[in-house]
Amino acid sequence: KSNTPMHSRLLEKISNIKINDLTYDDPLANGVIDLEYNYFQVAEEEFDVLL
């Protein structure tokens, strides 16, 4: 299933990234989506999307 609350939250976080502000050593600029990277961190108050 691809339309879960977590998928929606990650898409929202990705959509908010300012691509022009990325540096060349940034994993996302190199085509790597690292879920441990700070862009994709889910704040404690957002944990309900994981349930």
N, C-alpha and C. Protein backbone atom coordinates (compact mmCIF):
# COMPACT_ATOMS: atom_id res chain seq x y z
N LYS A 1 0.86 -1.18 0.00
CA LYS A 1 0.00 0.00 0.00
C LYS A 1 0.90 1.23 0.00
N SER A 2 0.66 2.16 -0.91
CA SER A 2 1.56 3.30 -1.03
C SER A 2 0.95 4.61 -0.56
N ASN A 3 -0.22 4.59 -0.01
CA ASN A 3 -0.84 5.83 0.42
C ASN A 3 -1.12 5.79 1.92
N THR A 4 -0.07 5.51 2.69
CA THR A 4 -0.20 5.47 4.14
C THR A 4 0.15 6.83 4.71
N PRO A 5 -0.21 7.12 5.95
CA PRO A 5 0.17 8.39 6.56
C PRO A 5 1.69 8.61 6.55
N MET A 6 2.47 7.54 6.74
CA MET A 6 3.93 7.69 6.73
C MET A 6 4.42 8.07 5.34
N HIS A 7 3.88 7.44 4.30
CA HIS A 7 4.25 7.81 2.94
C HIS A 7 3.92 9.28 2.68
N SER A 8 2.75 9.70 3.11
CA SER A 8 2.33 11.09 2.92
C SER A 8 3.26 12.05 3.64
N ARG A 9 3.66 11.69 4.87
CA ARG A 9 4.55 12.57 5.65
C ARG A 9 5.92 12.66 5.01
N LEU A 10 6.47 11.53 4.54
CA LEU A 10 7.77 11.57 3.86
C LEU A 10 7.69 12.38 2.58
N LEU A 11 6.62 12.23 1.82
CA LEU A 11 6.45 13.02 0.60
C LEU A 11 6.40 14.50 0.93
N GLU A 12 5.70 14.85 2.00
CA GLU A 12 5.63 16.25 2.43
C GLU A 12 7.02 16.77 2.77
N LYS A 13 7.80 15.98 3.52
CA LYS A 13 9.15 16.39 3.90
C LYS A 13 10.04 16.55 2.66
N ILE A 14 9.95 15.61 1.73
CA ILE A 14 10.75 15.70 0.50
C ILE A 14 10.34 16.93 -0.30
N SER A 15 9.05 17.21 -0.36
CA SER A 15 8.55 18.35 -1.13
C SER A 15 9.03 19.68 -0.56
N ASN A 16 9.31 19.72 0.74
CA ASN A 16 9.74 20.96 1.38
C ASN A 16 11.23 21.22 1.27
N ILE A 17 11.98 20.29 0.71
CA ILE A 17 13.42 20.47 0.58
C ILE A 17 13.71 21.49 -0.52
N LYS A 18 14.55 22.44 -0.23
CA LYS A 18 14.96 23.43 -1.22
C LYS A 18 16.14 22.86 -2.01
N ILE A 19 15.84 22.30 -3.17
CA ILE A 19 16.83 21.59 -3.97
C ILE A 19 18.04 22.47 -4.28
N ASN A 20 17.82 23.75 -4.55
CA ASN A 20 18.93 24.64 -4.90
C ASN A 20 19.87 24.91 -3.73
N ASP A 21 19.44 24.60 -2.52
CA ASP A 21 20.28 24.82 -1.34
C ASP A 21 21.13 23.60 -0.98
N LEU A 22 20.95 22.49 -1.69
CA LEU A 22 21.73 21.29 -1.40
C LEU A 22 23.17 21.47 -1.86
N THR A 23 24.09 20.87 -1.14
CA THR A 23 25.49 20.88 -1.56
C THR A 23 25.81 19.56 -2.25
N TYR A 24 26.92 19.53 -2.96
CA TYR A 24 27.27 18.32 -3.71
C TYR A 24 27.61 17.14 -2.82
N ASP A 25 27.97 17.39 -1.57
CA ASP A 25 28.26 16.27 -0.67
C ASP A 25 27.01 15.81 0.09
N ASP A 26 25.88 16.40 -0.23
CA ASP A 26 24.62 16.01 0.39
C ASP A 26 24.13 14.72 -0.26
N PRO A 27 23.76 13.70 0.53
CA PRO A 27 23.31 12.43 -0.05
C PRO A 27 22.14 12.59 -1.02
N LEU A 28 21.22 13.50 -0.72
CA LEU A 28 20.06 13.68 -1.59
C LEU A 28 20.49 14.25 -2.95
N ALA A 29 21.49 15.12 -2.96
CA ALA A 29 21.99 15.67 -4.22
C ALA A 29 22.63 14.59 -5.08
N ASN A 30 23.09 13.54 -4.45
CA ASN A 30 23.72 12.43 -5.18
C ASN A 30 22.73 11.31 -5.46
N GLY A 31 21.44 11.57 -5.29
CA GLY A 31 20.41 10.59 -5.61
C GLY A 31 20.19 9.53 -4.55
N VAL A 32 20.66 9.79 -3.34
CA VAL A 32 20.51 8.82 -2.26
C VAL A 32 19.49 9.36 -1.26
N ILE A 33 18.45 8.60 -1.02
CA ILE A 33 17.48 8.99 0.01
C ILE A 33 17.81 8.17 1.25
N ASP A 34 18.47 8.82 2.19
CA ASP A 34 18.89 8.19 3.44
C ASP A 34 17.88 8.58 4.51
N LEU A 35 17.07 7.63 4.93
CA LEU A 35 16.00 7.95 5.88
C LEU A 35 16.52 8.37 7.25
N GLU A 36 17.81 8.18 7.51
CA GLU A 36 18.38 8.64 8.77
C GLU A 36 18.84 10.09 8.68
N TYR A 37 18.87 10.66 7.49
CA TYR A 37 19.32 12.03 7.29
C TYR A 37 18.30 13.00 7.88
N ASN A 38 18.74 14.16 8.30
CA ASN A 38 17.87 15.09 9.03
C ASN A 38 16.64 15.54 8.24
N TYR A 39 16.66 15.51 6.92
CA TYR A 39 15.47 15.91 6.15
C TYR A 39 14.27 15.05 6.49
N PHE A 40 14.54 13.76 6.72
CA PHE A 40 13.47 12.80 6.82
C PHE A 40 13.13 12.39 8.24
N GLN A 41 13.73 13.04 9.21
CA GLN A 41 13.47 12.68 10.59
C GLN A 41 12.04 13.07 10.97
N VAL A 42 11.39 12.19 11.67
CA VAL A 42 10.03 12.43 12.13
C VAL A 42 10.12 12.92 13.57
N ALA A 43 9.55 14.08 13.81
CA ALA A 43 9.58 14.66 15.15
C ALA A 43 8.74 13.80 16.10
N GLU A 44 9.06 13.89 17.37
CA GLU A 44 8.38 13.06 18.36
C GLU A 44 6.86 13.24 18.31
N GLU A 45 6.42 14.47 18.09
CA GLU A 45 4.97 14.71 18.04
C GLU A 45 4.32 14.15 16.77
N GLU A 46 5.14 13.69 15.82
CA GLU A 46 4.61 13.12 14.58
C GLU A 46 4.59 11.59 14.60
N PHE A 47 4.97 10.98 15.70
CA PHE A 47 5.04 9.52 15.76
C PHE A 47 3.71 8.84 15.48
N ASP A 48 2.59 9.55 15.68
CA ASP A 48 1.29 8.93 15.43
C ASP A 48 1.12 8.52 13.97
N VAL A 49 1.88 9.12 13.02
CA VAL A 49 1.77 8.71 11.61
C VAL A 49 2.36 7.33 11.40
N LEU A 50 3.17 6.86 12.33
CA LEU A 50 3.76 5.53 12.19
C LEU A 50 2.80 4.43 12.61
N LEU A 51 1.77 4.78 13.33
CA LEU A 51 0.83 3.78 13.85
C LEU A 51 -0.26 3.45 12.85
